[in-house]
Every structure is written in structure tokens, then in C-alpha cells.
Amino acid sequence: MGRAPTVSVLLPVYNGSPYFRAAVDSVLAQTFEDFECLILDDGSTDDSAQIADELASRDARVRVIHSENRGLVASLNTLVEAARGEFIARMDADDLCMPTRLERQVEFLRRHPDTVCVGSSYWMMDEAGRTITQILPPLDDASIQDQALRGHSTISHPSAMLRTAALRRLGGYRAAYFPAEDLDLWLRLGELGRLANLPQPLIRYRVHAGSISARAVLGRQREAARRACVDAWARRRMEDRQFEAVNDWRADDSAASRMRFALQYGWMAYGAGFRQTAMVYGLKAIRVVPTKQDGWRLLAVALLRRPRKSMAL
């Protein structure tokens, strides 16, 4: 197979055809070219497997593993075993990499040998690719670890680049903590070395109803995150810690929840300078509960008033 690449990009996919091709294309368009893109098709019933094989036929850096459906954690651990790179970059089948993502993260890990994982700021977008806002997580190790120990997943999983040796030393991902397997990993990695986030937005993270996070039972996610924290507190001999991540961060099926998140995303988009996105979410809120003034107010403000500050692309 020739010389091992510097980076192995791990990209599991299950029925991801609406966004999958664009996700892989964003990896292949990186300014840093010394990588392999490992795709694991987890028994998809759509045409994801065919798309993966087609992409592999076009670019020798793409390697495809076909598997029966075993779930995300098993897929990730299979990919970790197959990775040949010094670094592992996570990627999801519905997100997009910015062109300099791998270049910036490899450079950072080279300059900071005590750092075992680096994520980044990211653009949040919706199912139609509309930008909602930029999310800036904590950047330094102390802040990342402090918030993680309170239950907050302070590194966006698809933005993460990790040292392969560190991930293998920990035994990979643990299924017992799904769907908070990423938080469990950050807590364990933080016991091996430093964690970091770059301030530049290096991915476009998509929120939509079909994502794993949205499909996961929210109560189960909170409980898994709580157990990951309790275990980390015990390993680190910490007392009097408090688990804080009790609020839902995705809408459930109720009208009240869908209304709340439509308004939240709309005002986030407005504040970031994405007025058209704000208008869309004002209309979404109105469609959910037409009799409430909140959606009408968001729509009117987005139509008539330019925000004071803008971070629009």
C-alpha cells in the first residue's frame, strides 16, 4: 500500500446519500494532500455504498470498507484499526470541511507535541446548507476540560484531529457511552495530554432531523454523558462536581420544542448577519404556532432591521 499517510480521515456513513458526496469532496479538496480518506459503509440501504465505491475509483486516497450494520461506535473502531496515519481526523457524512482544515490542524499538533486532540470553531448550517451562526468553543485545555467535566462536549466530534497512538492506547471508542461516546473520549484523552480548539471555523456542521444526534433519545444522551462524567470524576478523584448538561440541544417532536429551536436558530442567524436564514426560521416558527407573536417578531425584525454586527461569510 506504499508509504503511510500523515492523516487518516475517518468517515463512517449510514444512509447518508443526500449529503455524503459533498462531504467526501470537501475532504478531497484539502490544501494538505498527504492523507487517506477511510470510508466505512455501515450496511446502508440507500446508494451510499455505490457513491463510496465511485469516489474510490476516482481518487486513490479513498479506501472503502463495506460492513453489515453495526452502529456508529463499532464503525469508528473498525476505522481506527484500519487507519495508517500518524493523526486521525474525524468527519461526518453530512458535514463539510473548510479547505485548510487538515493543514491547520496538522501544523498545530506538530507545534504542540503535548496536545493529543485539537478541534475547531465551526459554522452551523441547516439541512438546506443555510448558515446559522459560528460556534466558538473554549480554546485552551483548562477551559475545555472544565466544561467537559460538567457534561458539555466542548470539542465538536467531526472537527477533531487526534494522535492515532493516543486513541489506540485508550482502546478507541466505548459503546457503553453511546450516544455520548465523544464526551467520554475527550474526558479520557484529557488524562493523557492536552486538548485544544482552533479559533478558525474549519468545518460546516449540519443540524437536521436525520442526524444521529437528532435521532438519539435525548434522555439517553444525557444519561450517557452523566455516566461519562461520573466515571471521570472517580478516575480523577474529584469530589463535589456538578453535571450541568441537562438542557436539550436539539428539538424533539413537540410543537413547543420545535418552536423554541426555530426561534433560537433564527435569532442566532440574525445576530450573525444571516438575515435570510433568520427569515426562514421566523416562518418555521409561525408555521408551528401561528398564534404566537414570537415568530412574527423574528420575521419582521429580519426583514426590516439590519443587525449591528455581522460575521456573514
C-alpha atoms as a PDB file:
ATOM      1  CA  MET A   1       0.000   0.000   0.000  1.00  0.00           C
ATOM      2  CA  GLY A   2       3.046   2.258  -0.084  1.00  0.00           C
ATOM      3  CA  ARG A   3       4.133   4.866   2.417  1.00  0.00           C
ATOM      4  CA  ALA A   4       1.730   5.559   5.264  1.00  0.00           C
ATOM      5  CA  PRO A   5      -0.033   8.939   5.018  1.00  0.00           C
ATOM      6  CA  THR A   6       0.247  11.620   7.685  1.00  0.00           C
ATOM      7  CA  VAL A   7      -3.517  11.773   8.292  1.00  0.00           C
ATOM      8  CA  SER A   8      -6.278   9.184   8.187  1.00  0.00           C
ATOM      9  CA  VAL A   9      -9.686  10.807   7.763  1.00  0.00           C
ATOM     10  CA  LEU A  10     -12.352   8.525   9.270  1.00  0.00           C
ATOM     11  CA  LEU A  11     -15.772   8.854   7.681  1.00  0.00           C
ATOM     12  CA  PRO A  12     -18.500   6.372   8.667  1.00  0.00           C
ATOM     13  CA  VAL A  13     -21.714   6.546   6.653  1.00  0.00           C
ATOM     14  CA  TYR A  14     -25.153   5.029   7.049  1.00  0.00           C
ATOM     15  CA  ASN A  15     -27.823   6.078   4.535  1.00  0.00           C
ATOM     16  CA  GLY A  16     -26.075   9.380   4.007  1.00  0.00           C
ATOM     17  CA  SER A  17     -26.643   9.877   0.289  1.00  0.00           C
ATOM     18  CA  PRO A  18     -28.233  13.359   0.479  1.00  0.00           C
ATOM     19  CA  TYR A  19     -25.001  14.934   1.750  1.00  0.00           C
ATOM     20  CA  PHE A  20     -22.344  12.218   1.570  1.00  0.00           C
ATOM     21  CA  ARG A  21     -20.757  13.031  -1.793  1.00  0.00           C
ATOM     22  CA  ALA A  22     -20.271  16.692  -0.869  1.00  0.00           C
ATOM     23  CA  ALA A  23     -18.719  15.687   2.466  1.00  0.00           C
ATOM     24  CA  VAL A  24     -16.107  13.485   0.800  1.00  0.00           C
ATOM     25  CA  ASP A  25     -15.440  16.055  -1.933  1.00  0.00           C
ATOM     26  CA  SER A  26     -14.669  18.617   0.784  1.00  0.00           C
ATOM     27  CA  VAL A  27     -12.046  16.224   2.184  1.00  0.00           C
ATOM     28  CA  LEU A  28     -10.521  15.587  -1.232  1.00  0.00           C
ATOM     29  CA  ALA A  29     -10.254  19.354  -1.837  1.00  0.00           C
ATOM     30  CA  GLN A  30      -7.939  19.914   1.161  1.00  0.00           C
ATOM     31  CA  THR A  31      -4.818  22.042   0.721  1.00  0.00           C
ATOM     32  CA  PHE A  32      -2.973  19.389   2.768  1.00  0.00           C
ATOM     33  CA  GLU A  33      -2.833  16.365   0.474  1.00  0.00           C
ATOM     34  CA  ASP A  34      -0.946  13.696   2.446  1.00  0.00           C
ATOM     35  CA  PHE A  35      -3.962  11.826   3.760  1.00  0.00           C
ATOM     36  CA  GLU A  36      -6.128   8.777   3.248  1.00  0.00           C
ATOM     37  CA  CYS A  37      -9.914   9.001   3.435  1.00  0.00           C
ATOM     38  CA  LEU A  38     -11.286   5.835   5.041  1.00  0.00           C
ATOM     39  CA  ILE A  39     -14.997   5.345   4.439  1.00  0.00           C
ATOM     40  CA  LEU A  40     -16.979   2.657   6.224  1.00  0.00           C
ATOM     41  CA  ASP A  41     -20.408   1.960   4.804  1.00  0.00           C
ATOM     42  CA  ASP A  42     -22.375   0.613   7.764  1.00  0.00           C
ATOM     43  CA  GLY A  43     -24.852  -1.522   5.813  1.00  0.00           C
ATOM     44  CA  SER A  44     -26.599   1.395   4.101  1.00  0.00           C
ATOM     45  CA  THR A  45     -29.852   0.662   2.303  1.00  0.00           C
ATOM     46  CA  ASP A  46     -29.625   3.727   0.052  1.00  0.00           C
ATOM     47  CA  ASP A  47     -26.925   4.317  -2.575  1.00  0.00           C
ATOM     48  CA  SER A  48     -24.196   5.387  -0.109  1.00  0.00           C
ATOM     49  CA  ALA A  49     -22.143   2.246  -0.827  1.00  0.00           C
ATOM     50  CA  GLN A  50     -22.222   2.904  -4.564  1.00  0.00           C
ATOM     51  CA  ILE A  51     -21.237   6.538  -4.049  1.00  0.00           C
ATOM     52  CA  ALA A  52     -18.319   5.458  -1.850  1.00  0.00           C
ATOM     53  CA  ASP A  53     -17.062   2.969  -4.455  1.00  0.00           C
ATOM     54  CA  GLU A  54     -17.372   5.573  -7.199  1.00  0.00           C
ATOM     55  CA  LEU A  55     -15.366   8.099  -5.169  1.00  0.00           C
ATOM     56  CA  ALA A  56     -12.683   5.471  -4.500  1.00  0.00           C
ATOM     57  CA  SER A  57     -12.411   4.734  -8.211  1.00  0.00           C
ATOM     58  CA  ARG A  58     -11.730   8.431  -8.858  1.00  0.00           C
ATOM     59  CA  ASP A  59      -9.152   9.082  -6.121  1.00  0.00           C
ATOM     60  CA  ALA A  60      -6.584   6.587  -4.807  1.00  0.00           C
ATOM     61  CA  ARG A  61      -6.623   8.274  -1.387  1.00  0.00           C
ATOM     62  CA  VAL A  62     -10.140   6.935  -0.765  1.00  0.00           C
ATOM     63  CA  ARG A  63     -10.413   3.461   0.782  1.00  0.00           C
ATOM     64  CA  VAL A  64     -13.820   1.852   1.361  1.00  0.00           C
ATOM     65  CA  ILE A  65     -14.833  -0.775   3.894  1.00  0.00           C
ATOM     66  CA  HIS A  66     -18.252  -2.401   3.492  1.00  0.00           C
ATOM     67  CA  SER A  67     -19.890  -3.808   6.607  1.00  0.00           C
ATOM     68  CA  GLU A  68     -23.187  -5.079   7.894  1.00  0.00           C
ATOM     69  CA  ASN A  69     -24.997  -2.554  10.052  1.00  0.00           C
ATOM     70  CA  ARG A  70     -23.286  -2.486  13.480  1.00  0.00           C
ATOM     71  CA  GLY A  71     -23.746   1.114  14.580  1.00  0.00           C
ATOM     72  CA  LEU A  72     -21.546   4.178  14.885  1.00  0.00           C
ATOM     73  CA  VAL A  73     -19.152   3.085  17.648  1.00  0.00           C
ATOM     74  CA  ALA A  74     -18.332  -0.261  16.029  1.00  0.00           C
ATOM     75  CA  SER A  75     -17.827   1.521  12.697  1.00  0.00           C
ATOM     76  CA  LEU A  76     -15.468   4.055  14.253  1.00  0.00           C
ATOM     77  CA  ASN A  77     -13.395   1.388  15.983  1.00  0.00           C
ATOM     78  CA  THR A  78     -13.063  -0.575  12.737  1.00  0.00           C
ATOM     79  CA  LEU A  79     -11.827   2.582  11.047  1.00  0.00           C
ATOM     80  CA  VAL A  80      -9.381   3.282  13.891  1.00  0.00           C
ATOM     81  CA  GLU A  81      -7.912  -0.207  13.414  1.00  0.00           C
ATOM     82  CA  ALA A  82      -7.578   0.346   9.657  1.00  0.00           C
ATOM     83  CA  ALA A  83      -6.019   3.827   9.922  1.00  0.00           C
ATOM     84  CA  ARG A  84      -2.384   4.110   8.799  1.00  0.00           C
ATOM     85  CA  GLY A  85      -1.835   7.793   9.569  1.00  0.00           C
ATOM     86  CA  GLU A  86       0.019   9.395  12.441  1.00  0.00           C
ATOM     87  CA  PHE A  87      -3.072  11.528  13.019  1.00  0.00           C
ATOM     88  CA  ILE A  88      -6.766  10.670  12.803  1.00  0.00           C
ATOM     89  CA  ALA A  89      -9.245  13.282  11.615  1.00  0.00           C
ATOM     90  CA  ARG A  90     -12.922  12.665  12.265  1.00  0.00           C
ATOM     91  CA  MET A  91     -15.515  13.584   9.698  1.00  0.00           C
ATOM     92  CA  ASP A  92     -19.253  13.003   9.406  1.00  0.00           C
ATOM     93  CA  ALA A  93     -21.109  12.168   6.225  1.00  0.00           C
ATOM     94  CA  ASP A  94     -23.334  15.241   6.393  1.00  0.00           C
ATOM     95  CA  ASP A  95     -20.755  17.927   7.229  1.00  0.00           C
ATOM     96  CA  LEU A  96     -18.210  19.849   5.165  1.00  0.00           C
ATOM     97  CA  CYS A  97     -14.506  20.568   5.713  1.00  0.00           C
ATOM     98  CA  MET A  98     -13.115  24.008   5.025  1.00  0.00           C
ATOM     99  CA  PRO A  99     -10.174  23.728   2.572  1.00  0.00           C
ATOM    100  CA  THR A 100      -7.394  24.391   5.100  1.00  0.00           C
ATOM    101  CA  ARG A 101      -8.749  22.193   7.881  1.00  0.00           C
ATOM    102  CA  LEU A 102      -6.152  19.389   7.765  1.00  0.00           C
ATOM    103  CA  GLU A 103      -3.294  21.785   7.079  1.00  0.00           C
ATOM    104  CA  ARG A 104      -4.039  23.938  10.135  1.00  0.00           C
ATOM    105  CA  GLN A 105      -4.608  21.020  12.492  1.00  0.00           C
ATOM    106  CA  VAL A 106      -1.502  19.083  11.443  1.00  0.00           C
ATOM    107  CA  GLU A 107       0.557  22.251  11.855  1.00  0.00           C
ATOM    108  CA  PHE A 108      -0.887  22.805  15.346  1.00  0.00           C
ATOM    109  CA  LEU A 109      -0.212  19.236  16.518  1.00  0.00           C
ATOM    110  CA  ARG A 110       3.327  19.408  15.144  1.00  0.00           C
ATOM    111  CA  ARG A 111       3.953  22.597  17.151  1.00  0.00           C
ATOM    112  CA  HIS A 112       2.286  21.264  20.314  1.00  0.00           C
ATOM    113  CA  PRO A 113       3.518  17.710  20.945  1.00  0.00           C
ATOM    114  CA  ASP A 114       1.781  17.597  24.335  1.00  0.00           C
ATOM    115  CA  THR A 115      -1.645  18.078  22.699  1.00  0.00           C
ATOM    116  CA  VAL A 116      -3.451  14.808  21.934  1.00  0.00           C
ATOM    117  CA  CYS A 117      -6.560  16.256  20.268  1.00  0.00           C
ATOM    118  CA  VAL A 118      -7.443  19.514  18.533  1.00  0.00           C
ATOM    119  CA  GLY A 119     -10.868  20.603  17.322  1.00  0.00           C
ATOM    120  CA  SER A 120     -12.021  23.936  15.995  1.00  0.00           C
ATOM    121  CA  SER A 121     -14.638  26.587  15.829  1.00  0.00           C
ATOM    122  CA  TYR A 122     -17.313  25.753  13.240  1.00  0.00           C
ATOM    123  CA  TRP A 123     -20.096  27.141  11.134  1.00  0.00           C
ATOM    124  CA  MET A 124     -23.514  25.703  11.992  1.00  0.00           C
ATOM    125  CA  MET A 125     -25.746  25.128   8.966  1.00  0.00           C
ATOM    126  CA  ASP A 126     -29.138  23.517   8.428  1.00  0.00           C
ATOM    127  CA  GLU A 127     -30.352  20.742   6.146  1.00  0.00           C
ATOM    128  CA  ALA A 128     -30.516  23.124   3.172  1.00  0.00           C
ATOM    129  CA  GLY A 129     -26.975  24.401   3.713  1.00  0.00           C
ATOM    130  CA  ARG A 130     -28.130  27.746   5.127  1.00  0.00           C
ATOM    131  CA  THR A 131     -25.565  29.146   7.573  1.00  0.00           C
ATOM    132  CA  ILE A 132     -26.991  29.795  11.042  1.00  0.00           C
ATOM    133  CA  THR A 133     -24.000  31.073  13.012  1.00  0.00           C
ATOM    134  CA  GLN A 134     -20.404  30.433  14.002  1.00  0.00           C
ATOM    135  CA  ILE A 135     -19.902  28.420  17.187  1.00  0.00           C
ATOM    136  CA  LEU A 136     -16.737  29.308  19.098  1.00  0.00           C
ATOM    137  CA  PRO A 137     -15.941  26.646  21.731  1.00  0.00           C
ATOM    138  CA  PRO A 138     -13.394  27.120  24.527  1.00  0.00           C
ATOM    139  CA  LEU A 139      -9.877  27.130  23.091  1.00  0.00           C
ATOM    140  CA  ASP A 140      -7.499  26.225  25.920  1.00  0.00           C
ATOM    141  CA  ASP A 141      -7.041  22.905  27.707  1.00  0.00           C
ATOM    142  CA  ALA A 142      -8.179  24.115  31.137  1.00  0.00           C
ATOM    143  CA  SER A 143     -11.461  25.540  29.846  1.00  0.00           C
ATOM    144  CA  ILE A 144     -12.171  22.568  27.583  1.00  0.00           C
ATOM    145  CA  GLN A 145     -11.590  20.084  30.393  1.00  0.00           C
ATOM    146  CA  ASP A 146     -13.527  22.082  32.968  1.00  0.00           C
ATOM    147  CA  GLN A 147     -16.614  22.220  30.749  1.00  0.00           C
ATOM    148  CA  ALA A 148     -16.264  18.587  29.656  1.00  0.00           C
ATOM    149  CA  LEU A 149     -16.231  17.540  33.311  1.00  0.00           C
ATOM    150  CA  ARG A 150     -19.555  19.365  33.674  1.00  0.00           C
ATOM    151  CA  GLY A 151     -21.069  17.360  30.792  1.00  0.00           C
ATOM    152  CA  HIS A 152     -20.523  19.673  27.833  1.00  0.00           C
ATOM    153  CA  SER A 153     -18.967  18.179  24.705  1.00  0.00           C
ATOM    154  CA  THR A 154     -16.521  21.024  24.164  1.00  0.00           C
ATOM    155  CA  ILE A 155     -14.860  19.607  21.043  1.00  0.00           C
ATOM    156  CA  SER A 156     -17.120  19.141  18.040  1.00  0.00           C
ATOM    157  CA  HIS A 157     -16.609  15.489  17.103  1.00  0.00           C
ATOM    158  CA  PRO A 158     -16.407  15.953  13.297  1.00  0.00           C
ATOM    159  CA  SER A 159     -13.878  18.767  13.768  1.00  0.00           C
ATOM    160  CA  ALA A 160     -11.465  16.680  15.843  1.00  0.00           C
ATOM    161  CA  MET A 161      -7.951  15.595  14.874  1.00  0.00           C
ATOM    162  CA  LEU A 162      -6.325  13.145  17.286  1.00  0.00           C
ATOM    163  CA  ARG A 163      -3.000  11.415  17.670  1.00  0.00           C
ATOM    164  CA  THR A 164      -3.587   7.850  16.489  1.00  0.00           C
ATOM    165  CA  ALA A 165      -1.301   6.373  19.148  1.00  0.00           C
ATOM    166  CA  ALA A 166      -3.259   8.099  21.934  1.00  0.00           C
ATOM    167  CA  LEU A 167      -6.619   6.897  20.624  1.00  0.00           C
ATOM    168  CA  ARG A 168      -5.376   3.318  20.317  1.00  0.00           C
ATOM    169  CA  ARG A 169      -3.786   3.458  23.753  1.00  0.00           C
ATOM    170  CA  LEU A 170      -7.253   4.183  25.169  1.00  0.00           C
ATOM    171  CA  GLY A 171      -8.805   1.289  23.253  1.00  0.00           C
ATOM    172  CA  GLY A 172     -10.825   3.510  20.922  1.00  0.00           C
ATOM    173  CA  TYR A 173     -14.449   4.438  21.459  1.00  0.00           C
ATOM    174  CA  ARG A 174     -16.647   2.810  24.107  1.00  0.00           C
ATOM    175  CA  ALA A 175     -20.107   1.636  23.067  1.00  0.00           C
ATOM    176  CA  ALA A 176     -21.378   1.783  26.643  1.00  0.00           C
ATOM    177  CA  TYR A 177     -21.372   5.597  26.415  1.00  0.00           C
ATOM    178  CA  PHE A 178     -23.205   5.979  23.099  1.00  0.00           C
ATOM    179  CA  PRO A 179     -24.641   8.469  22.165  1.00  0.00           C
ATOM    180  CA  ALA A 180     -22.158  10.467  24.279  1.00  0.00           C
ATOM    181  CA  GLU A 181     -19.141   8.435  23.149  1.00  0.00           C
ATOM    182  CA  ASP A 182     -17.360  11.603  22.059  1.00  0.00           C
ATOM    183  CA  LEU A 183     -17.602  13.224  25.506  1.00  0.00           C
ATOM    184  CA  ASP A 184     -16.315  10.021  27.109  1.00  0.00           C
ATOM    185  CA  LEU A 185     -13.369  10.090  24.692  1.00  0.00           C
ATOM    186  CA  TRP A 186     -12.489  13.742  25.405  1.00  0.00           C
ATOM    187  CA  LEU A 187     -12.517  13.031  29.140  1.00  0.00           C
ATOM    188  CA  ARG A 188     -10.188  10.051  28.749  1.00  0.00           C
ATOM    189  CA  LEU A 189      -7.900  11.814  26.265  1.00  0.00           C
ATOM    190  CA  GLY A 190      -7.633  14.727  28.688  1.00  0.00           C
ATOM    191  CA  GLU A 191      -5.982  12.338  31.133  1.00  0.00           C
ATOM    192  CA  LEU A 192      -3.241  11.557  28.584  1.00  0.00           C
ATOM    193  CA  GLY A 193      -2.444  15.046  27.335  1.00  0.00           C
ATOM    194  CA  ARG A 194      -3.751  18.472  26.469  1.00  0.00           C
ATOM    195  CA  LEU A 195      -6.889  19.288  24.465  1.00  0.00           C
ATOM    196  CA  ALA A 196      -7.339  22.340  22.222  1.00  0.00           C
ATOM    197  CA  ASN A 197      -9.646  24.052  19.760  1.00  0.00           C
ATOM    198  CA  LEU A 198      -8.560  26.365  16.969  1.00  0.00           C
ATOM    199  CA  PRO A 199     -10.462  29.668  16.694  1.00  0.00           C
ATOM    200  CA  GLN A 200     -10.820  29.413  12.916  1.00  0.00           C
ATOM    201  CA  PRO A 201     -14.028  27.679  11.740  1.00  0.00           C
ATOM    202  CA  LEU A 202     -12.682  24.584   9.978  1.00  0.00           C
ATOM    203  CA  ILE A 203     -15.910  22.692   9.325  1.00  0.00           C
ATOM    204  CA  ARG A 204     -19.517  23.385   8.431  1.00  0.00           C
ATOM    205  CA  TYR A 205     -21.597  21.357  10.872  1.00  0.00           C
ATOM    206  CA  ARG A 206     -25.079  20.402   9.696  1.00  0.00           C
ATOM    207  CA  VAL A 207     -28.060  20.186  12.046  1.00  0.00           C
ATOM    208  CA  HIS A 208     -31.024  18.291  10.632  1.00  0.00           C
ATOM    209  CA  ALA A 209     -33.695  15.845  11.705  1.00  0.00           C
ATOM    210  CA  GLY A 210     -31.918  12.815  10.232  1.00  0.00           C
ATOM    211  CA  SER A 211     -28.639  13.223  12.104  1.00  0.00           C
ATOM    212  CA  ILE A 212     -27.521  10.673  14.691  1.00  0.00           C
ATOM    213  CA  SER A 213     -27.710  13.282  17.444  1.00  0.00           C
ATOM    214  CA  ALA A 214     -31.264  14.221  16.498  1.00  0.00           C
ATOM    215  CA  ARG A 215     -32.391  10.597  16.235  1.00  0.00           C
ATOM    216  CA  ALA A 216     -30.857   9.652  19.573  1.00  0.00           C
ATOM    217  CA  VAL A 217     -33.209   9.686  22.522  1.00  0.00           C
ATOM    218  CA  LEU A 218     -32.298  12.893  24.298  1.00  0.00           C
ATOM    219  CA  GLY A 219     -32.715  11.414  27.748  1.00  0.00           C
ATOM    220  CA  ARG A 220     -30.396   8.546  26.835  1.00  0.00           C
ATOM    221  CA  GLN A 221     -27.773  11.011  25.622  1.00  0.00           C
ATOM    222  CA  ARG A 222     -27.922  12.977  28.858  1.00  0.00           C
ATOM    223  CA  GLU A 223     -27.679   9.802  30.933  1.00  0.00           C
ATOM    224  CA  ALA A 224     -24.686   8.535  28.949  1.00  0.00           C
ATOM    225  CA  ALA A 225     -22.971  11.921  29.337  1.00  0.00           C
ATOM    226  CA  ARG A 226     -23.666  11.894  33.075  1.00  0.00           C
ATOM    227  CA  ARG A 227     -22.126   8.419  33.439  1.00  0.00           C
ATOM    228  CA  ALA A 228     -19.068   9.504  31.456  1.00  0.00           C
ATOM    229  CA  CYS A 229     -18.612  12.438  33.845  1.00  0.00           C
ATOM    230  CA  VAL A 230     -19.177  10.386  36.993  1.00  0.00           C
ATOM    231  CA  ASP A 231     -16.583   7.876  35.808  1.00  0.00           C
ATOM    232  CA  ALA A 232     -14.119  10.674  35.006  1.00  0.00           C
ATOM    233  CA  TRP A 233     -14.670  12.273  38.428  1.00  0.00           C
ATOM    234  CA  ALA A 234     -13.870   8.926  40.049  1.00  0.00           C
ATOM    235  CA  ARG A 235     -10.759   8.365  37.926  1.00  0.00           C
ATOM    236  CA  ARG A 236      -9.500  11.847  38.760  1.00  0.00           C
ATOM    237  CA  ARG A 237     -10.538  11.621  42.427  1.00  0.00           C
ATOM    238  CA  MET A 238     -12.747  14.675  42.174  1.00  0.00           C
ATOM    239  CA  GLU A 239     -15.498  15.468  44.647  1.00  0.00           C
ATOM    240  CA  ASP A 240     -18.435  17.898  44.723  1.00  0.00           C
ATOM    241  CA  ARG A 241     -18.695  18.139  40.937  1.00  0.00           C
ATOM    242  CA  GLN A 242     -21.961  19.063  39.267  1.00  0.00           C
ATOM    243  CA  PHE A 243     -23.357  17.765  35.977  1.00  0.00           C
ATOM    244  CA  GLU A 244     -24.737  20.747  34.053  1.00  0.00           C
ATOM    245  CA  ALA A 245     -25.665  19.494  30.582  1.00  0.00           C
ATOM    246  CA  VAL A 246     -29.350  18.958  31.292  1.00  0.00           C
ATOM    247  CA  ASN A 247     -30.873  21.127  28.557  1.00  0.00           C
ATOM    248  CA  ASP A 248     -31.862  19.664  25.181  1.00  0.00           C
ATOM    249  CA  TRP A 249     -29.772  20.988  22.304  1.00  0.00           C
ATOM    250  CA  ARG A 250     -31.987  19.559  19.568  1.00  0.00           C
ATOM    251  CA  ALA A 251     -35.737  19.818  19.077  1.00  0.00           C
ATOM    252  CA  ASP A 252     -37.991  16.893  19.916  1.00  0.00           C
ATOM    253  CA  ASP A 253     -41.323  16.227  18.203  1.00  0.00           C
ATOM    254  CA  SER A 254     -43.413  18.561  20.359  1.00  0.00           C
ATOM    255  CA  ALA A 255     -44.663  21.875  18.973  1.00  0.00           C
ATOM    256  CA  ALA A 256     -43.198  23.774  21.927  1.00  0.00           C
ATOM    257  CA  SER A 257     -39.723  22.333  21.322  1.00  0.00           C
ATOM    258  CA  ARG A 258     -39.838  22.892  17.550  1.00  0.00           C
ATOM    259  CA  MET A 259     -40.999  26.460  18.130  1.00  0.00           C
ATOM    260  CA  ARG A 260     -38.238  27.119  20.671  1.00  0.00           C
ATOM    261  CA  PHE A 261     -35.481  25.846  18.405  1.00  0.00           C
ATOM    262  CA  ALA A 262     -36.833  27.638  15.336  1.00  0.00           C
ATOM    263  CA  LEU A 263     -36.686  30.895  17.292  1.00  0.00           C
ATOM    264  CA  GLN A 264     -33.265  30.066  18.743  1.00  0.00           C
ATOM    265  CA  TYR A 265     -31.736  29.303  15.342  1.00  0.00           C
ATOM    266  CA  GLY A 266     -33.442  32.300  13.791  1.00  0.00           C
ATOM    267  CA  TRP A 267     -32.113  34.786  16.329  1.00  0.00           C
ATOM    268  CA  MET A 268     -28.670  33.183  16.160  1.00  0.00           C
ATOM    269  CA  ALA A 269     -28.685  33.638  12.378  1.00  0.00           C
ATOM    270  CA  TYR A 270     -29.891  37.217  12.671  1.00  0.00           C
ATOM    271  CA  GLY A 271     -27.200  38.086  15.197  1.00  0.00           C
ATOM    272  CA  ALA A 272     -24.557  36.571  12.920  1.00  0.00           C
ATOM    273  CA  GLY A 273     -25.750  38.621   9.946  1.00  0.00           C
ATOM    274  CA  PHE A 274     -27.583  35.858   8.062  1.00  0.00           C
ATOM    275  CA  ARG A 275     -30.884  37.672   7.640  1.00  0.00           C
ATOM    276  CA  GLN A 276     -32.363  35.364   5.012  1.00  0.00           C
ATOM    277  CA  THR A 277     -31.760  32.372   7.270  1.00  0.00           C
ATOM    278  CA  ALA A 278     -33.416  34.292  10.110  1.00  0.00           C
ATOM    279  CA  MET A 279     -36.449  34.932   7.898  1.00  0.00           C
ATOM    280  CA  VAL A 280     -36.703  31.229   7.089  1.00  0.00           C
ATOM    281  CA  TYR A 281     -36.729  30.353  10.774  1.00  0.00           C
ATOM    282  CA  GLY A 282     -39.242  33.062  11.548  1.00  0.00           C
ATOM    283  CA  LEU A 283     -41.541  31.412   9.004  1.00  0.00           C
ATOM    284  CA  LYS A 284     -40.818  27.986  10.511  1.00  0.00           C
ATOM    285  CA  ALA A 285     -41.846  29.263  13.948  1.00  0.00           C
ATOM    286  CA  ILE A 286     -45.008  30.803  12.513  1.00  0.00           C
ATOM    287  CA  ARG A 287     -45.959  27.536  10.829  1.00  0.00           C
ATOM    288  CA  VAL A 288     -45.537  25.642  14.106  1.00  0.00           C
ATOM    289  CA  VAL A 289     -47.606  28.047  16.239  1.00  0.00           C
ATOM    290  CA  PRO A 290     -49.222  30.780  14.073  1.00  0.00           C
ATOM    291  CA  THR A 291     -50.977  32.407  17.024  1.00  0.00           C
ATOM    292  CA  LYS A 292     -47.796  33.297  18.946  1.00  0.00           C
ATOM    293  CA  GLN A 293     -46.182  36.651  18.247  1.00  0.00           C
ATOM    294  CA  ASP A 294     -42.600  35.408  18.667  1.00  0.00           C
ATOM    295  CA  GLY A 295     -42.250  34.030  15.152  1.00  0.00           C
ATOM    296  CA  TRP A 296     -43.875  37.113  13.606  1.00  0.00           C
ATOM    297  CA  ARG A 297     -41.493  39.360  15.537  1.00  0.00           C
ATOM    298  CA  LEU A 298     -38.433  37.427  14.346  1.00  0.00           C
ATOM    299  CA  LEU A 299     -39.644  37.619  10.745  1.00  0.00           C
ATOM    300  CA  ALA A 300     -40.365  41.342  10.961  1.00  0.00           C
ATOM    301  CA  VAL A 301     -37.019  42.204  12.552  1.00  0.00           C
ATOM    302  CA  ALA A 302     -35.105  40.114   9.993  1.00  0.00           C
ATOM    303  CA  LEU A 303     -36.998  41.796   7.148  1.00  0.00           C
ATOM    304  CA  LEU A 304     -36.744  45.377   8.322  1.00  0.00           C
ATOM    305  CA  ARG A 305     -33.692  45.827  10.538  1.00  0.00           C
ATOM    306  CA  ARG A 306     -30.054  45.204   9.673  1.00  0.00           C
ATOM    307  CA  PRO A 307     -28.123  43.653  12.603  1.00  0.00           C
ATOM    308  CA  ARG A 308     -25.424  45.829  14.206  1.00  0.00           C
ATOM    309  CA  LYS A 309     -22.683  43.242  13.769  1.00  0.00           C
ATOM    310  CA  SER A 310     -22.229  40.589  11.129  1.00  0.00           C
ATOM    311  CA  MET A 311     -19.969  37.584  10.785  1.00  0.00           C
ATOM    312  CA  ALA A 312     -21.542  36.555   7.469  1.00  0.00           C
ATOM    313  CA  LEU A 313     -19.324  34.663   5.052  1.00  0.00           C
END
